[in-house]
Amino acid sequence: MNTTLTSTPSPTPRRRAAPGGPAGTRPRGAAGPRPHGPAQGGPRRTAPRALPPHTVFAERLLAVLSGERPVHWMLGHTVGTAYEQLVRLAPHTPLRSPGPRPVLRRCSVQVHSPQSVVEAFATVTTGARVRAMAFRLERGGDQRWRCAAVELDGLDGTARRP
């Protein structure tokens, strides 16, 4: 028995994806010269640089203390009393801004005991106000950093705000 498969045109045209197509594809047309890799004698592409742990934690703390993320988002990233401090601070959303999202402006560190403890301090802009945030990171036996203490504008989470 000889069976021939034929394709029938679909009754409706296929929808196109958003301009540029899926991630990693180039749009059609002349979009400028193609990037050259090392095989073509062009510049070498480097992988994006990973953020240092103190910056990652500053962003995480900012998300929790601004109300953008729930406190339990930090459960696996805290040790000791840090989680309890966040539980006391977060309901007041001390970094929430009536305008745009609070922004991490600067984050610096002081390293202690050969790369196992870091004390970090950051400045955060909330609307027209600049706030201070300090936290301590400790590296565990599994080499993961965890937040061990949090303080915000002198509030360490032990006393409730009025």
Foldseek 3Di string as FASTA:
>chain_A
DDDDDDDDDDPDDDDDDDAQPDPPGGGDDPPDDDADDVVRVGDHDDDDDDDDPQVVVVVVLLCQLQVVDPLCVQVVQADACASLLSVLRRVVSPQHAPDDRKDWDDKDWDDDDPPFKIKMKTWIDRPPDIWIKIWMWGQDPVRDIHTYFIDINNRGSPDHDD
